[in-house]
Amino acid sequence: MLNIFPTFRGMKKKKAEDLIDFHLRHAWHKISRMYNQKAKVHGLTMSIGFILLIVDKNGTPSTQLGPKMGMEPTSLSRTLKTMESKGWITRKIDQEDKRKVLIFLTQEGLVLRKEVKEVVLSFNEKIEKVIPSSEMEIFLKVLAQIDITVENEITEMLSNQKSSI
């Protein structure tokens, strides 16, 4: 197997290509470009497609969408405004907690969600055909560990910022 990470264990990192971050960013950038090209055909963006996929049928609080998507509030707000103006979502005040705004998909949004889901599932099937399940299992474990490590870094940074105030 080709070793694309020649300096990861015990050696000093010299080039960007030797860093884990580089490979994560590079792969994500390509995936993002691919999905944006596919979404463009339907007048969508990858962000809109992702929102279509994660909005729950019982409504999703708008405040939960940003963290799930890794979007800043201003970008999310702009995207939701676009989706609402195109008739793909509606916003309703939560009946139990009037401070919450719930996002719902309209009929047109549900149709788009089905199309987006087919595109995502198709890509995932292609990946499953070329990567053995045993390797995918390891990959997902590695990603989970990276996620935990990043979360720990963020927690530590926030803790250090609070203690220096």
N, C-alpha and C. Protein backbone atom coordinates (compact mmCIF):
# COMPACT_ATOMS: atom_id res chain seq x y z
N MET A 1 0.84 -1.19 0.00
CA MET A 1 0.00 0.00 0.00
C MET A 1 0.88 1.25 0.00
N LEU A 2 0.50 2.24 -0.76
CA LEU A 2 1.25 3.49 -0.87
C LEU A 2 1.19 4.24 0.45
N ASN A 3 2.33 4.64 0.96
CA ASN A 3 2.37 5.40 2.20
C ASN A 3 2.37 6.89 1.87
N ILE A 4 1.20 7.52 2.03
CA ILE A 4 1.11 8.95 1.73
C ILE A 4 1.47 9.80 2.95
N PHE A 5 1.73 9.15 4.08
CA PHE A 5 2.07 9.87 5.29
C PHE A 5 3.46 9.46 5.77
N PRO A 6 4.49 9.75 5.00
CA PRO A 6 5.82 9.23 5.32
C PRO A 6 6.41 9.75 6.62
N THR A 7 6.00 10.90 7.10
CA THR A 7 6.67 11.46 8.28
C THR A 7 5.77 11.53 9.50
N PHE A 8 4.64 10.84 9.50
CA PHE A 8 3.71 10.98 10.61
C PHE A 8 4.19 10.42 11.93
N ARG A 9 4.96 9.39 11.90
CA ARG A 9 5.37 8.77 13.17
C ARG A 9 6.85 9.03 13.44
N GLY A 10 7.11 9.85 14.44
CA GLY A 10 8.46 10.00 14.93
C GLY A 10 9.40 10.86 14.11
N MET A 11 8.96 11.41 13.02
CA MET A 11 9.85 12.24 12.22
C MET A 11 9.32 13.67 12.20
N LYS A 12 10.21 14.58 12.00
CA LYS A 12 9.85 15.99 11.93
C LYS A 12 9.09 16.28 10.64
N LYS A 13 8.02 17.03 10.73
CA LYS A 13 7.23 17.39 9.56
C LYS A 13 7.94 18.53 8.82
N LYS A 14 8.09 18.39 7.50
CA LYS A 14 8.82 19.39 6.74
C LYS A 14 7.96 20.13 5.74
N LYS A 15 6.99 19.44 5.14
CA LYS A 15 6.18 20.06 4.09
C LYS A 15 4.71 19.96 4.48
N ALA A 16 3.90 20.83 3.88
CA ALA A 16 2.46 20.80 4.13
C ALA A 16 1.88 19.43 3.82
N GLU A 17 2.38 18.80 2.76
CA GLU A 17 1.87 17.50 2.34
C GLU A 17 2.14 16.40 3.37
N ASP A 18 3.00 16.67 4.34
CA ASP A 18 3.32 15.71 5.37
C ASP A 18 2.37 15.81 6.57
N LEU A 19 1.49 16.77 6.55
CA LEU A 19 0.61 17.02 7.70
C LEU A 19 -0.77 16.41 7.51
N ILE A 20 -1.31 15.88 8.58
CA ILE A 20 -2.65 15.30 8.56
C ILE A 20 -3.66 16.34 8.08
N ASP A 21 -3.53 17.55 8.61
CA ASP A 21 -4.46 18.64 8.27
C ASP A 21 -4.55 18.85 6.75
N PHE A 22 -3.39 18.78 6.09
CA PHE A 22 -3.34 19.00 4.65
C PHE A 22 -4.22 17.98 3.93
N HIS A 23 -4.11 16.71 4.30
CA HIS A 23 -4.86 15.66 3.62
C HIS A 23 -6.36 15.75 3.92
N LEU A 24 -6.70 16.10 5.16
CA LEU A 24 -8.12 16.29 5.50
C LEU A 24 -8.72 17.43 4.69
N ARG A 25 -8.02 18.54 4.67
CA ARG A 25 -8.51 19.73 3.96
C ARG A 25 -8.59 19.46 2.45
N HIS A 26 -7.57 18.82 1.91
CA HIS A 26 -7.52 18.54 0.49
C HIS A 26 -8.70 17.64 0.07
N ALA A 27 -8.93 16.57 0.83
CA ALA A 27 -10.03 15.65 0.51
C ALA A 27 -11.37 16.37 0.66
N TRP A 28 -11.53 17.13 1.75
CA TRP A 28 -12.80 17.82 1.96
C TRP A 28 -13.05 18.86 0.86
N HIS A 29 -12.02 19.54 0.44
CA HIS A 29 -12.17 20.55 -0.61
C HIS A 29 -12.66 19.89 -1.90
N LYS A 30 -12.10 18.75 -2.25
CA LYS A 30 -12.53 18.04 -3.46
C LYS A 30 -13.98 17.56 -3.34
N ILE A 31 -14.33 17.01 -2.19
CA ILE A 31 -15.71 16.55 -1.96
C ILE A 31 -16.66 17.73 -2.06
N SER A 32 -16.28 18.83 -1.44
CA SER A 32 -17.11 20.03 -1.46
C SER A 32 -17.32 20.55 -2.88
N ARG A 33 -16.24 20.58 -3.66
CA ARG A 33 -16.35 21.01 -5.07
C ARG A 33 -17.28 20.10 -5.85
N MET A 34 -17.14 18.79 -5.64
CA MET A 34 -17.98 17.83 -6.34
C MET A 34 -19.45 18.05 -6.00
N TYR A 35 -19.76 18.15 -4.70
CA TYR A 35 -21.15 18.34 -4.28
C TYR A 35 -21.70 19.68 -4.76
N ASN A 36 -20.87 20.72 -4.72
CA ASN A 36 -21.34 22.02 -5.21
C ASN A 36 -21.65 21.98 -6.70
N GLN A 37 -20.84 21.25 -7.48
CA GLN A 37 -21.12 21.11 -8.92
C GLN A 37 -22.43 20.36 -9.15
N LYS A 38 -22.66 19.31 -8.38
CA LYS A 38 -23.89 18.54 -8.51
C LYS A 38 -25.09 19.37 -8.04
N ALA A 39 -24.92 20.14 -6.98
CA ALA A 39 -26.01 20.95 -6.43
C ALA A 39 -26.38 22.09 -7.38
N LYS A 40 -25.37 22.63 -8.05
CA LYS A 40 -25.56 23.76 -8.96
C LYS A 40 -26.60 23.45 -10.04
N VAL A 41 -26.65 22.20 -10.48
CA VAL A 41 -27.60 21.77 -11.50
C VAL A 41 -29.05 22.02 -11.04
N HIS A 42 -29.27 21.94 -9.72
CA HIS A 42 -30.60 22.14 -9.15
C HIS A 42 -30.78 23.54 -8.55
N GLY A 43 -29.80 24.40 -8.77
CA GLY A 43 -29.88 25.74 -8.20
C GLY A 43 -29.60 25.77 -6.71
N LEU A 44 -28.85 24.78 -6.24
CA LEU A 44 -28.54 24.67 -4.81
C LEU A 44 -27.06 24.88 -4.57
N THR A 45 -26.69 24.85 -3.30
CA THR A 45 -25.30 24.79 -2.88
C THR A 45 -25.17 23.58 -1.97
N MET A 46 -23.95 23.17 -1.69
CA MET A 46 -23.74 22.06 -0.78
C MET A 46 -24.33 22.38 0.59
N SER A 47 -24.20 23.62 1.05
CA SER A 47 -24.74 24.00 2.36
C SER A 47 -26.25 23.85 2.40
N ILE A 48 -26.91 24.28 1.33
CA ILE A 48 -28.36 24.14 1.27
C ILE A 48 -28.73 22.66 1.27
N GLY A 49 -28.00 21.86 0.51
CA GLY A 49 -28.26 20.43 0.47
C GLY A 49 -28.12 19.79 1.84
N PHE A 50 -27.10 20.19 2.57
CA PHE A 50 -26.88 19.63 3.90
C PHE A 50 -28.01 20.02 4.84
N ILE A 51 -28.46 21.27 4.76
CA ILE A 51 -29.59 21.71 5.59
C ILE A 51 -30.83 20.88 5.25
N LEU A 52 -31.07 20.68 3.95
CA LEU A 52 -32.22 19.86 3.54
C LEU A 52 -32.16 18.48 4.17
N LEU A 53 -30.96 17.92 4.30
CA LEU A 53 -30.81 16.58 4.86
C LEU A 53 -30.98 16.52 6.37
N ILE A 54 -30.62 17.59 7.09
CA ILE A 54 -30.62 17.49 8.55
C ILE A 54 -31.84 18.10 9.23
N VAL A 55 -32.71 18.78 8.48
CA VAL A 55 -33.91 19.32 9.10
C VAL A 55 -34.86 18.16 9.40
N ASP A 56 -35.28 18.08 10.64
CA ASP A 56 -36.15 17.01 11.12
C ASP A 56 -37.60 17.27 10.70
N LYS A 57 -38.38 16.22 10.53
CA LYS A 57 -39.77 16.40 10.11
C LYS A 57 -40.59 17.13 11.17
N ASN A 58 -40.18 17.05 12.44
CA ASN A 58 -40.87 17.78 13.51
C ASN A 58 -40.28 19.17 13.73
N GLY A 59 -39.42 19.59 12.81
CA GLY A 59 -38.78 20.90 12.92
C GLY A 59 -37.45 20.80 13.64
N THR A 60 -36.54 21.66 13.24
CA THR A 60 -35.21 21.71 13.85
C THR A 60 -34.95 23.15 14.29
N PRO A 61 -34.56 23.35 15.56
CA PRO A 61 -34.24 24.70 15.99
C PRO A 61 -33.11 25.28 15.13
N SER A 62 -33.28 26.50 14.69
CA SER A 62 -32.26 27.12 13.84
C SER A 62 -30.91 27.18 14.55
N THR A 63 -30.93 27.27 15.87
CA THR A 63 -29.67 27.35 16.63
C THR A 63 -28.89 26.04 16.60
N GLN A 64 -29.55 24.92 16.27
CA GLN A 64 -28.85 23.63 16.19
C GLN A 64 -28.18 23.42 14.83
N LEU A 65 -28.64 24.14 13.82
CA LEU A 65 -28.12 23.92 12.47
C LEU A 65 -26.67 24.36 12.32
N GLY A 66 -26.33 25.52 12.85
CA GLY A 66 -24.96 26.05 12.73
C GLY A 66 -23.91 25.09 13.25
N PRO A 67 -24.04 24.64 14.52
CA PRO A 67 -23.05 23.71 15.05
C PRO A 67 -22.98 22.39 14.28
N LYS A 68 -24.12 21.88 13.82
CA LYS A 68 -24.12 20.62 13.07
C LYS A 68 -23.41 20.77 11.74
N MET A 69 -23.46 21.96 11.17
CA MET A 69 -22.91 22.19 9.85
C MET A 69 -21.54 22.85 9.87
N GLY A 70 -21.14 23.36 11.03
CA GLY A 70 -19.88 24.08 11.10
C GLY A 70 -19.96 25.42 10.40
N MET A 71 -21.13 26.03 10.44
CA MET A 71 -21.33 27.33 9.77
C MET A 71 -21.41 28.44 10.80
N GLU A 72 -20.90 29.59 10.42
CA GLU A 72 -21.02 30.78 11.26
C GLU A 72 -22.46 31.26 11.20
N PRO A 73 -22.95 31.89 12.27
CA PRO A 73 -24.34 32.35 12.31
C PRO A 73 -24.74 33.26 11.14
N THR A 74 -23.84 34.15 10.71
CA THR A 74 -24.21 35.06 9.61
C THR A 74 -24.39 34.30 8.29
N SER A 75 -23.52 33.33 8.03
CA SER A 75 -23.65 32.52 6.81
C SER A 75 -24.90 31.66 6.86
N LEU A 76 -25.15 31.07 8.02
CA LEU A 76 -26.34 30.25 8.18
C LEU A 76 -27.60 31.08 7.99
N SER A 77 -27.62 32.25 8.59
CA SER A 77 -28.78 33.14 8.48
C SER A 77 -29.06 33.50 7.02
N ARG A 78 -28.00 33.82 6.29
CA ARG A 78 -28.13 34.16 4.87
C ARG A 78 -28.64 32.97 4.06
N THR A 79 -28.12 31.78 4.36
CA THR A 79 -28.54 30.57 3.65
C THR A 79 -30.01 30.26 3.94
N LEU A 80 -30.41 30.37 5.21
CA LEU A 80 -31.81 30.12 5.57
C LEU A 80 -32.74 31.13 4.91
N LYS A 81 -32.30 32.38 4.84
CA LYS A 81 -33.10 33.42 4.18
C LYS A 81 -33.30 33.08 2.70
N THR A 82 -32.24 32.62 2.05
CA THR A 82 -32.33 32.21 0.64
C THR A 82 -33.30 31.05 0.49
N MET A 83 -33.17 30.06 1.35
CA MET A 83 -34.04 28.88 1.28
C MET A 83 -35.50 29.25 1.51
N GLU A 84 -35.72 30.16 2.43
CA GLU A 84 -37.09 30.59 2.73
C GLU A 84 -37.67 31.37 1.54
N SER A 85 -36.86 32.24 0.93
CA SER A 85 -37.36 33.04 -0.20
C SER A 85 -37.67 32.16 -1.42
N LYS A 86 -36.99 31.01 -1.53
CA LYS A 86 -37.25 30.08 -2.64
C LYS A 86 -38.37 29.10 -2.32
N GLY A 87 -38.88 29.18 -1.09
CA GLY A 87 -40.00 28.32 -0.72
C GLY A 87 -39.62 26.91 -0.32
N TRP A 88 -38.36 26.70 0.11
CA TRP A 88 -37.90 25.37 0.48
C TRP A 88 -38.04 25.08 1.97
N ILE A 89 -38.10 26.16 2.79
CA ILE A 89 -38.28 26.00 4.23
C ILE A 89 -39.29 27.03 4.72
N THR A 90 -39.82 26.76 5.91
CA THR A 90 -40.62 27.76 6.63
C THR A 90 -40.06 27.82 8.04
N ARG A 91 -40.27 28.95 8.67
CA ARG A 91 -39.85 29.12 10.06
C ARG A 91 -41.11 29.29 10.89
N LYS A 92 -41.13 28.58 12.01
CA LYS A 92 -42.27 28.68 12.92
C LYS A 92 -41.76 28.79 14.34
N ILE A 93 -42.46 29.59 15.14
CA ILE A 93 -42.09 29.72 16.55
C ILE A 93 -42.55 28.46 17.27
N ASP A 94 -41.66 27.91 18.10
CA ASP A 94 -41.96 26.71 18.87
C ASP A 94 -43.10 27.01 19.84
N GLN A 95 -44.13 26.16 19.85
CA GLN A 95 -45.29 26.37 20.71
C GLN A 95 -44.98 26.17 22.19
N GLU A 96 -43.98 25.33 22.48
CA GLU A 96 -43.61 25.08 23.88
C GLU A 96 -42.65 26.13 24.42
N ASP A 97 -41.76 26.63 23.59
CA ASP A 97 -40.77 27.62 24.00
C ASP A 97 -40.75 28.72 22.94
N LYS A 98 -41.43 29.79 23.24
CA LYS A 98 -41.62 30.88 22.27
C LYS A 98 -40.32 31.55 21.85
N ARG A 99 -39.22 31.27 22.57
CA ARG A 99 -37.93 31.85 22.20
C ARG A 99 -37.29 31.11 21.03
N LYS A 100 -37.72 29.87 20.78
CA LYS A 100 -37.13 29.05 19.73
C LYS A 100 -37.85 29.24 18.41
N VAL A 101 -37.04 29.24 17.35
CA VAL A 101 -37.59 29.24 15.99
C VAL A 101 -37.24 27.89 15.37
N LEU A 102 -38.28 27.19 14.90
CA LEU A 102 -38.08 25.88 14.29
C LEU A 102 -38.10 26.02 12.77
N ILE A 103 -37.23 25.26 12.13
CA ILE A 103 -37.15 25.23 10.67
C ILE A 103 -37.85 23.96 10.20
N PHE A 104 -38.74 24.11 9.21
CA PHE A 104 -39.44 22.99 8.60
C PHE A 104 -39.23 23.03 7.10
N LEU A 105 -39.20 21.84 6.48
CA LEU A 105 -39.14 21.79 5.03
C LEU A 105 -40.55 21.90 4.46
N THR A 106 -40.67 22.65 3.39
CA THR A 106 -41.94 22.73 2.66
C THR A 106 -42.05 21.49 1.76
N GLN A 107 -43.15 21.36 1.04
CA GLN A 107 -43.30 20.25 0.10
C GLN A 107 -42.17 20.28 -0.93
N GLU A 108 -41.87 21.47 -1.44
CA GLU A 108 -40.78 21.61 -2.41
C GLU A 108 -39.44 21.24 -1.78
N GLY A 109 -39.26 21.63 -0.53
CA GLY A 109 -38.04 21.28 0.20
C GLY A 109 -37.91 19.77 0.39
N LEU A 110 -39.02 19.10 0.63
CA LEU A 110 -39.01 17.64 0.78
C LEU A 110 -38.63 16.95 -0.52
N VAL A 111 -39.10 17.48 -1.66
CA VAL A 111 -38.75 16.93 -2.97
C VAL A 111 -37.25 17.10 -3.20
N LEU A 112 -36.74 18.30 -2.89
CA LEU A 112 -35.30 18.55 -3.06
C LEU A 112 -34.48 17.65 -2.14
N ARG A 113 -34.97 17.45 -0.91
CA ARG A 113 -34.26 16.60 0.04
C ARG A 113 -34.10 15.20 -0.53
N LYS A 114 -35.14 14.69 -1.16
CA LYS A 114 -35.09 13.35 -1.75
C LYS A 114 -34.00 13.29 -2.83
N GLU A 115 -33.92 14.32 -3.67
CA GLU A 115 -32.90 14.37 -4.73
C GLU A 115 -31.49 14.45 -4.14
N VAL A 116 -31.34 15.29 -3.11
CA VAL A 116 -30.03 15.45 -2.46
C VAL A 116 -29.61 14.13 -1.82
N LYS A 117 -30.56 13.47 -1.16
CA LYS A 117 -30.25 12.20 -0.50
C LYS A 117 -29.79 11.16 -1.51
N GLU A 118 -30.41 11.12 -2.68
CA GLU A 118 -30.01 10.18 -3.73
C GLU A 118 -28.57 10.44 -4.18
N VAL A 119 -28.20 11.71 -4.32
CA VAL A 119 -26.84 12.07 -4.73
C VAL A 119 -25.83 11.62 -3.68
N VAL A 120 -26.13 11.89 -2.41
CA VAL A 120 -25.23 11.54 -1.32
C VAL A 120 -25.10 10.02 -1.20
N LEU A 121 -26.22 9.32 -1.26
CA LEU A 121 -26.17 7.86 -1.16
C LEU A 121 -25.41 7.25 -2.33
N SER A 122 -25.58 7.81 -3.51
CA SER A 122 -24.87 7.32 -4.69
C SER A 122 -23.36 7.47 -4.51
N PHE A 123 -22.92 8.62 -4.01
CA PHE A 123 -21.49 8.83 -3.78
C PHE A 123 -20.98 7.86 -2.72
N ASN A 124 -21.76 7.68 -1.65
CA ASN A 124 -21.35 6.76 -0.59
C ASN A 124 -21.24 5.33 -1.11
N GLU A 125 -22.14 4.92 -1.99
CA GLU A 125 -22.06 3.59 -2.58
C GLU A 125 -20.78 3.43 -3.41
N LYS A 126 -20.41 4.48 -4.13
CA LYS A 126 -19.17 4.44 -4.92
C LYS A 126 -17.96 4.27 -4.01
N ILE A 127 -17.96 4.97 -2.89
CA ILE A 127 -16.86 4.87 -1.93
C ILE A 127 -16.82 3.45 -1.35
N GLU A 128 -18.00 2.91 -1.00
CA GLU A 128 -18.06 1.57 -0.42
C GLU A 128 -17.55 0.50 -1.39
N LYS A 129 -17.68 0.75 -2.69
CA LYS A 129 -17.20 -0.22 -3.68
C LYS A 129 -15.67 -0.25 -3.77
N VAL A 130 -15.02 0.87 -3.48
CA VAL A 130 -13.56 0.92 -3.64
C VAL A 130 -12.78 0.84 -2.33
N ILE A 131 -13.48 0.98 -1.20
CA ILE A 131 -12.79 0.88 0.09
C ILE A 131 -13.41 -0.28 0.87
N PRO A 132 -12.62 -1.28 1.18
CA PRO A 132 -13.14 -2.42 1.96
C PRO A 132 -13.72 -1.96 3.31
N SER A 133 -14.74 -2.65 3.76
CA SER A 133 -15.42 -2.26 5.00
C SER A 133 -14.46 -2.24 6.20
N SER A 134 -13.48 -3.14 6.21
CA SER A 134 -12.53 -3.16 7.33
C SER A 134 -11.70 -1.87 7.36
N GLU A 135 -11.32 -1.37 6.17
CA GLU A 135 -10.56 -0.12 6.11
C GLU A 135 -11.46 1.07 6.44
N MET A 136 -12.72 1.01 6.03
CA MET A 136 -13.66 2.10 6.33
C MET A 136 -13.90 2.18 7.84
N GLU A 137 -13.97 1.03 8.48
CA GLU A 137 -14.15 1.00 9.93
C GLU A 137 -12.98 1.70 10.63
N ILE A 138 -11.77 1.40 10.19
CA ILE A 138 -10.57 2.03 10.76
C ILE A 138 -10.60 3.53 10.48
N PHE A 139 -10.94 3.91 9.25
CA PHE A 139 -11.01 5.32 8.87
C PHE A 139 -11.99 6.08 9.77
N LEU A 140 -13.16 5.50 10.01
CA LEU A 140 -14.16 6.16 10.86
C LEU A 140 -13.70 6.26 12.31
N LYS A 141 -12.98 5.25 12.77
CA LYS A 141 -12.41 5.31 14.14
C LYS A 141 -11.38 6.42 14.22
N VAL A 142 -10.54 6.53 13.20
CA VAL A 142 -9.52 7.58 13.17
C VAL A 142 -10.19 8.95 13.16
N LEU A 143 -11.21 9.13 12.33
CA LEU A 143 -11.93 10.41 12.29
C LEU A 143 -12.56 10.73 13.65
N ALA A 144 -13.12 9.72 14.31
CA ALA A 144 -13.71 9.93 15.64
C ALA A 144 -12.64 10.39 16.63
N GLN A 145 -11.46 9.80 16.55
CA GLN A 145 -10.37 10.20 17.45
C GLN A 145 -9.88 11.61 17.13
N ILE A 146 -9.82 11.94 15.85
CA ILE A 146 -9.45 13.32 15.46
C ILE A 146 -10.47 14.29 16.02
N ASP A 147 -11.76 13.95 15.91
CA ASP A 147 -12.83 14.80 16.42
C ASP A 147 -12.67 15.04 17.92
N ILE A 148 -12.40 13.98 18.66
CA ILE A 148 -12.19 14.09 20.11
C ILE A 148 -10.98 14.98 20.41
N THR A 149 -9.90 14.78 19.67
CA THR A 149 -8.69 15.57 19.87
C THR A 149 -8.94 17.05 19.61
N VAL A 150 -9.66 17.33 18.52
CA VAL A 150 -9.99 18.73 18.19
C VAL A 150 -10.87 19.33 19.29
N GLU A 151 -11.86 18.57 19.74
CA GLU A 151 -12.75 19.06 20.80
C GLU A 151 -11.96 19.35 22.08
N ASN A 152 -11.00 18.49 22.41
CA ASN A 152 -10.15 18.72 23.58
C ASN A 152 -9.31 19.99 23.41
N GLU A 153 -8.78 20.20 22.19
CA GLU A 153 -8.00 21.41 21.90
C GLU A 153 -8.85 22.66 22.10
N ILE A 154 -10.06 22.62 21.58
CA ILE A 154 -10.97 23.77 21.70
C ILE A 154 -11.28 24.04 23.17
N THR A 155 -11.59 22.98 23.92
CA THR A 155 -11.89 23.13 25.34
C THR A 155 -10.71 23.73 26.09
N GLU A 156 -9.51 23.24 25.78
CA GLU A 156 -8.29 23.75 26.43
C GLU A 156 -8.06 25.22 26.09
N MET A 157 -8.26 25.57 24.81
CA MET A 157 -8.07 26.97 24.40
C MET A 157 -9.06 27.88 25.11
N LEU A 158 -10.32 27.46 25.17
CA LEU A 158 -11.33 28.28 25.84
C LEU A 158 -11.04 28.42 27.32
N SER A 159 -10.57 27.34 27.92
CA SER A 159 -10.21 27.37 29.33
C SER A 159 -9.05 28.33 29.58
N ASN A 160 -8.05 28.29 28.72
CA ASN A 160 -6.91 29.20 28.85
C ASN A 160 -7.30 30.65 28.63
N GLN A 161 -8.24 30.88 27.71
CA GLN A 161 -8.70 32.25 27.47
C GLN A 161 -9.44 32.79 28.69
N LYS A 162 -10.26 31.95 29.33
CA LYS A 162 -11.01 32.38 30.51
C LYS A 162 -10.08 32.67 31.67
N SER A 163 -9.04 31.83 31.83
CA SER A 163 -8.13 32.02 32.96
C SER A 163 -7.21 33.23 32.77
N SER A 164 -7.05 33.69 31.54
CA SER A 164 -6.19 34.84 31.32
C SER A 164 -6.97 36.17 31.40
N ILE A 165 -8.25 36.07 31.61
CA ILE A 165 -9.08 37.31 31.70
C ILE A 165 -9.08 37.84 33.10
